[in-house]
Amino acid sequence: MRRKLAAGNWKMNGSLSAMAEVQALCEAHPEPKVDMLLCPPATLIWPMASMRGEHPLAVGAQDCHPEDKGAHTGDIAAPMLREAGATAVIVGHSERRADHGESSETVRAKAEAAHRAGLLAVVCVGETLEEREAGRALEVVGEQLAASLPPGSTGETVVVAYEPVWAIGTGKVAGTEEIGEMHGFLREALRKSHPEAADAIRLLYGGSVKGSNAAEIFAVPDVDGALVGGASLTAEQFSPIVTALEGA
């Protein structure tokens, strides 16, 4: 049975003072019934991993380089993230795909680097509004999934996060029927490409998830949790999402 996962992506936000929010989150969920993961900026990985103590909160990164080392100024290798205290890394987020021109082949190389370092790869896929309105949502996401997942991926090495680009940070949320259709499609695609691991790989939904809509989203079949952006920055906003997932 897939264990639910509440993941937070802080993006380019946060400072050392934000560790108080992490402490508050840990205190609100001392023995969580679901997995909890926060992915802060690289500068906060070590402080966050250090201050959580014995709490099972996992700390992740937001990106990694495909190579394990080398002359790549400004980049961070997966083994470095692991050494800093990370146990997971997000790859292929739509903001990386759009802002940095990352292809699905690049995303797969990064996921493979994460696997080599012993990190869980959170592989992101999602369509733009134009692609959805053109009736190409399933086609686009299916192509991204096929090209982004490394061969041999398992439930222990990868999580897939579906984030419709048009719903990220906009306040718009895909309807439950749209979410259900896409997550069902992703599960079937995994059964074809990774038949032995398909039912073990967790599928997250991301896109303006809040405490007020989390329970409805988590009731959709094949939604195993969420990848949350802005609402993960404070314990007040993220805690209700965790609670909703625990009750799903």
Protein backbone atom coordinates (compact mmCIF):
# COMPACT_ATOMS: atom_id res chain seq x y z
CA MET A 1 0.00 0.00 0.00
CA ARG A 2 1.37 3.41 -0.97
CA ARG A 3 2.15 5.68 1.99
CA LYS A 4 0.74 9.16 1.52
CA LEU A 5 3.16 12.06 1.06
CA ALA A 6 2.73 15.75 1.87
CA ALA A 7 5.57 17.58 0.15
CA GLY A 8 6.36 21.28 0.21
CA ASN A 9 8.40 23.26 -2.32
CA TRP A 10 9.61 26.53 -0.82
CA LYS A 11 11.03 27.69 -4.17
CA MET A 12 13.19 30.84 -3.78
CA ASN A 13 11.76 31.73 -0.39
CA GLY A 14 12.84 31.38 3.21
CA SER A 15 15.64 32.31 5.59
CA LEU A 16 17.06 31.01 8.84
CA SER A 17 14.22 32.71 10.71
CA ALA A 18 11.80 30.40 8.86
CA MET A 19 13.12 27.47 10.88
CA ALA A 20 10.59 28.55 13.51
CA GLU A 21 7.85 27.54 11.06
CA VAL A 22 9.45 24.13 10.62
CA GLN A 23 9.63 23.69 14.38
CA ALA A 24 5.97 24.61 14.69
CA LEU A 25 5.05 22.13 11.96
CA CYS A 26 6.95 19.34 13.69
CA GLU A 27 5.26 20.16 16.98
CA ALA A 28 1.84 20.12 15.31
CA HIS A 29 2.52 16.64 13.89
CA PRO A 30 4.88 14.87 16.32
CA GLU A 31 3.98 11.42 14.98
CA PRO A 32 2.59 11.99 11.47
CA LYS A 33 0.55 9.24 9.85
CA VAL A 34 1.88 10.28 6.43
CA ASP A 35 5.30 11.10 5.04
CA MET A 36 6.25 14.78 5.26
CA LEU A 37 8.85 16.43 3.02
CA LEU A 38 10.01 20.03 2.78
CA CYS A 39 12.27 21.23 -0.03
CA PRO A 40 13.82 24.59 0.91
CA PRO A 41 16.48 26.56 -0.98
CA ALA A 42 19.86 24.81 -0.90
CA THR A 43 21.16 27.24 1.72
CA LEU A 44 18.58 25.95 4.22
CA ILE A 45 18.94 22.19 3.71
CA TRP A 46 21.55 21.72 6.42
CA PRO A 47 19.88 24.01 8.98
CA MET A 48 16.50 22.36 8.42
CA ALA A 49 17.90 18.83 8.56
CA SER A 50 19.79 19.69 11.73
CA MET A 51 16.97 21.31 13.66
CA ARG A 52 14.28 18.66 13.07
CA GLY A 53 15.96 16.36 15.61
CA GLU A 54 14.31 12.95 15.76
CA HIS A 55 11.21 14.07 13.89
CA PRO A 56 10.56 12.02 10.70
CA LEU A 57 10.23 15.16 8.55
CA ALA A 58 12.29 14.59 5.40
CA VAL A 59 14.29 17.41 3.85
CA GLY A 60 14.80 17.67 0.11
CA ALA A 61 16.31 19.92 -2.54
CA GLN A 62 14.71 21.67 -5.50
CA ASP A 63 17.16 20.65 -8.23
CA CYS A 64 20.44 18.89 -8.90
CA HIS A 65 22.99 18.65 -11.71
CA PRO A 66 23.05 15.51 -13.90
CA GLU A 67 26.77 15.01 -13.14
CA ASP A 68 28.15 14.00 -9.76
CA LYS A 69 30.97 16.55 -9.89
CA GLY A 70 32.86 18.76 -12.33
CA ALA A 71 33.37 22.24 -13.71
CA HIS A 72 29.79 23.45 -13.44
CA THR A 73 29.88 26.81 -11.71
CA GLY A 74 26.78 27.56 -9.66
CA ASP A 75 25.36 24.04 -9.85
CA ILE A 76 24.98 21.53 -7.02
CA ALA A 77 25.53 17.79 -7.41
CA ALA A 78 23.20 15.20 -5.92
CA PRO A 79 25.92 13.73 -3.64
CA MET A 80 26.46 17.22 -2.20
CA LEU A 81 22.76 17.50 -1.42
CA ARG A 82 22.84 14.12 0.27
CA GLU A 83 25.82 15.17 2.37
CA ALA A 84 23.97 18.35 3.40
CA GLY A 85 21.10 16.26 4.79
CA ALA A 86 18.71 15.93 1.87
CA THR A 87 17.00 12.63 1.17
CA ALA A 88 14.99 13.77 -1.86
CA VAL A 89 15.19 16.21 -4.76
CA ILE A 90 12.60 17.76 -7.07
CA VAL A 91 13.46 17.47 -10.77
CA GLY A 92 11.63 18.77 -13.81
CA HIS A 93 9.45 21.34 -12.09
CA SER A 94 7.61 23.41 -14.70
CA GLU A 95 9.51 26.50 -13.59
CA ARG A 96 12.78 24.74 -14.36
CA ARG A 97 11.45 23.47 -17.67
CA ALA A 98 10.23 26.94 -18.67
CA ASP A 99 12.79 29.29 -17.09
CA HIS A 100 15.86 27.14 -17.80
CA GLY A 101 14.77 25.30 -20.92
CA GLU A 102 15.09 21.87 -19.35
CA SER A 103 14.00 19.01 -21.59
CA SER A 104 12.53 15.76 -20.34
CA GLU A 105 15.81 14.09 -21.27
CA THR A 106 17.63 16.48 -18.95
CA VAL A 107 15.09 15.76 -16.23
CA ARG A 108 15.70 12.03 -16.61
CA ALA A 109 19.48 12.56 -16.33
CA LYS A 110 18.91 14.51 -13.13
CA ALA A 111 16.64 11.79 -11.75
CA GLU A 112 19.32 9.23 -12.54
CA ALA A 113 21.86 11.37 -10.68
CA ALA A 114 19.48 11.48 -7.72
CA HIS A 115 19.19 7.69 -7.77
CA ARG A 116 22.98 7.27 -7.80
CA ALA A 117 23.20 9.47 -4.72
CA GLY A 118 20.46 7.61 -2.90
CA LEU A 119 17.94 10.46 -3.19
CA LEU A 120 14.24 10.09 -3.88
CA ALA A 121 13.50 11.87 -7.18
CA VAL A 122 10.25 13.84 -7.28
CA VAL A 123 9.66 14.01 -11.03
CA CYS A 124 7.28 16.77 -12.11
CA VAL A 125 5.04 16.70 -15.18
CA GLY A 126 2.25 19.01 -16.32
CA GLU A 127 0.61 20.79 -19.23
CA THR A 128 0.12 24.48 -19.98
CA LEU A 129 -3.31 26.08 -20.34
CA GLU A 130 -2.84 26.30 -24.11
CA GLU A 131 -2.06 22.58 -24.30
CA ARG A 132 -5.11 21.68 -22.22
CA GLU A 133 -7.44 23.90 -24.22
CA ALA A 134 -6.10 22.27 -27.39
CA GLY A 135 -7.09 18.86 -26.01
CA ARG A 136 -3.46 17.75 -25.71
CA ALA A 137 -3.13 17.47 -21.91
CA LEU A 138 -2.88 13.68 -21.77
CA GLU A 139 -0.58 13.56 -24.78
CA VAL A 140 1.81 16.17 -23.40
CA VAL A 141 1.96 14.73 -19.90
CA GLY A 142 2.32 11.20 -21.25
CA GLU A 143 5.30 12.24 -23.35
CA GLN A 144 6.90 14.01 -20.39
CA LEU A 145 6.43 10.98 -18.16
CA ALA A 146 7.87 8.54 -20.71
CA ALA A 147 10.95 10.68 -21.35
CA SER A 148 11.56 11.83 -17.75
CA LEU A 149 11.44 8.58 -15.76
CA PRO A 150 14.68 6.57 -15.57
CA PRO A 151 14.53 2.88 -16.47
CA GLY A 152 14.18 0.74 -13.38
CA SER A 153 12.38 3.40 -11.34
CA THR A 154 10.59 2.01 -8.29
CA GLY A 155 8.36 3.27 -5.53
CA GLU A 156 11.47 3.64 -3.39
CA THR A 157 13.35 5.79 -5.89
CA VAL A 158 10.75 8.00 -7.56
CA VAL A 159 7.58 9.98 -6.95
CA VAL A 160 5.62 11.54 -9.81
CA ALA A 161 4.05 14.95 -9.24
CA TYR A 162 1.38 16.14 -11.66
CA GLU A 163 1.20 19.92 -11.66
CA PRO A 164 -0.93 21.60 -14.34
CA VAL A 165 1.17 24.66 -15.14
CA TRP A 166 -1.90 26.88 -15.29
CA ALA A 167 -2.79 26.06 -11.68
CA ILE A 168 0.59 26.75 -10.05
CA GLY A 169 0.43 29.84 -7.89
CA THR A 170 -2.64 31.15 -9.71
CA GLY A 171 -5.31 30.17 -7.23
CA LYS A 172 -6.88 27.99 -9.92
CA VAL A 173 -7.27 24.31 -9.15
CA ALA A 174 -8.03 21.55 -11.60
CA GLY A 175 -11.47 20.05 -11.04
CA THR A 176 -11.65 16.67 -9.34
CA GLU A 177 -12.73 15.08 -12.63
CA GLU A 178 -9.67 16.54 -14.39
CA ILE A 179 -7.39 15.42 -11.57
CA GLY A 180 -8.92 11.96 -11.56
CA GLU A 181 -8.61 11.60 -15.32
CA MET A 182 -4.93 12.60 -15.30
CA HIS A 183 -3.94 10.51 -12.29
CA GLY A 184 -5.74 7.49 -13.72
CA PHE A 185 -3.96 8.06 -17.01
CA LEU A 186 -0.59 8.31 -15.26
CA ARG A 187 -1.20 5.07 -13.34
CA GLU A 188 -2.03 3.22 -16.54
CA ALA A 189 1.00 4.72 -18.29
CA LEU A 190 3.20 3.47 -15.45
CA ARG A 191 1.68 0.00 -15.72
CA LYS A 192 2.85 -0.10 -19.32
CA SER A 193 6.31 1.44 -18.83
CA HIS A 194 7.17 0.17 -15.32
CA PRO A 195 4.78 -2.77 -14.75
CA GLU A 196 6.54 -4.15 -11.68
CA ALA A 197 6.63 -0.79 -9.88
CA ALA A 198 3.53 0.95 -11.23
CA ASP A 199 1.31 0.33 -8.23
CA ALA A 200 4.05 1.33 -5.78
CA ILE A 201 4.98 4.70 -7.33
CA ARG A 202 3.19 7.56 -5.59
CA LEU A 203 1.34 10.18 -7.64
CA LEU A 204 1.07 13.67 -6.15
CA TYR A 205 -1.12 16.54 -7.25
CA GLY A 206 0.20 20.10 -7.19
CA GLY A 207 -1.42 23.38 -8.10
CA SER A 208 -2.79 25.82 -5.51
CA VAL A 209 -3.48 23.09 -2.93
CA LYS A 210 -4.75 24.60 0.34
CA GLY A 211 -6.25 23.42 3.58
CA SER A 212 -9.67 24.40 2.27
CA ASN A 213 -9.54 22.15 -0.81
CA ALA A 214 -7.10 19.44 0.27
CA ALA A 215 -9.63 16.88 1.53
CA GLU A 216 -11.62 17.02 -1.72
CA ILE A 217 -8.46 16.55 -3.79
CA PHE A 218 -7.16 13.70 -1.62
CA ALA A 219 -10.44 11.83 -2.03
CA VAL A 220 -9.72 11.42 -5.76
CA PRO A 221 -8.47 7.90 -6.64
CA ASP A 222 -4.73 7.60 -7.29
CA VAL A 223 -3.94 10.91 -5.58
CA ASP A 224 -1.33 9.85 -3.04
CA GLY A 225 -0.59 13.31 -1.69
CA ALA A 226 0.41 16.76 -2.81
CA LEU A 227 3.35 18.88 -3.85
CA VAL A 228 2.54 22.23 -2.29
CA GLY A 229 4.09 25.60 -3.10
CA GLY A 230 3.20 28.77 -1.22
CA ALA A 231 1.04 27.06 1.39
CA SER A 232 4.05 25.04 2.59
CA LEU A 233 5.91 28.14 3.81
CA THR A 234 4.08 28.36 7.13
CA ALA A 235 2.93 25.79 9.63
CA GLU A 236 -0.47 27.50 9.80
CA GLN A 237 -1.15 26.82 6.12
CA PHE A 238 0.69 23.52 5.62
CA SER A 239 -0.50 21.75 8.77
CA PRO A 240 -4.18 21.53 7.64
CA ILE A 241 -3.01 19.93 4.39
CA VAL A 242 -1.08 17.31 6.34
CA THR A 243 -4.11 16.72 8.54
CA ALA A 244 -6.38 16.33 5.52
CA LEU A 245 -4.01 13.78 4.02
CA GLU A 246 -3.87 11.84 7.27
CA GLY A 247 -7.64 11.53 7.11
CA ALA A 248 -7.78 10.53 3.44
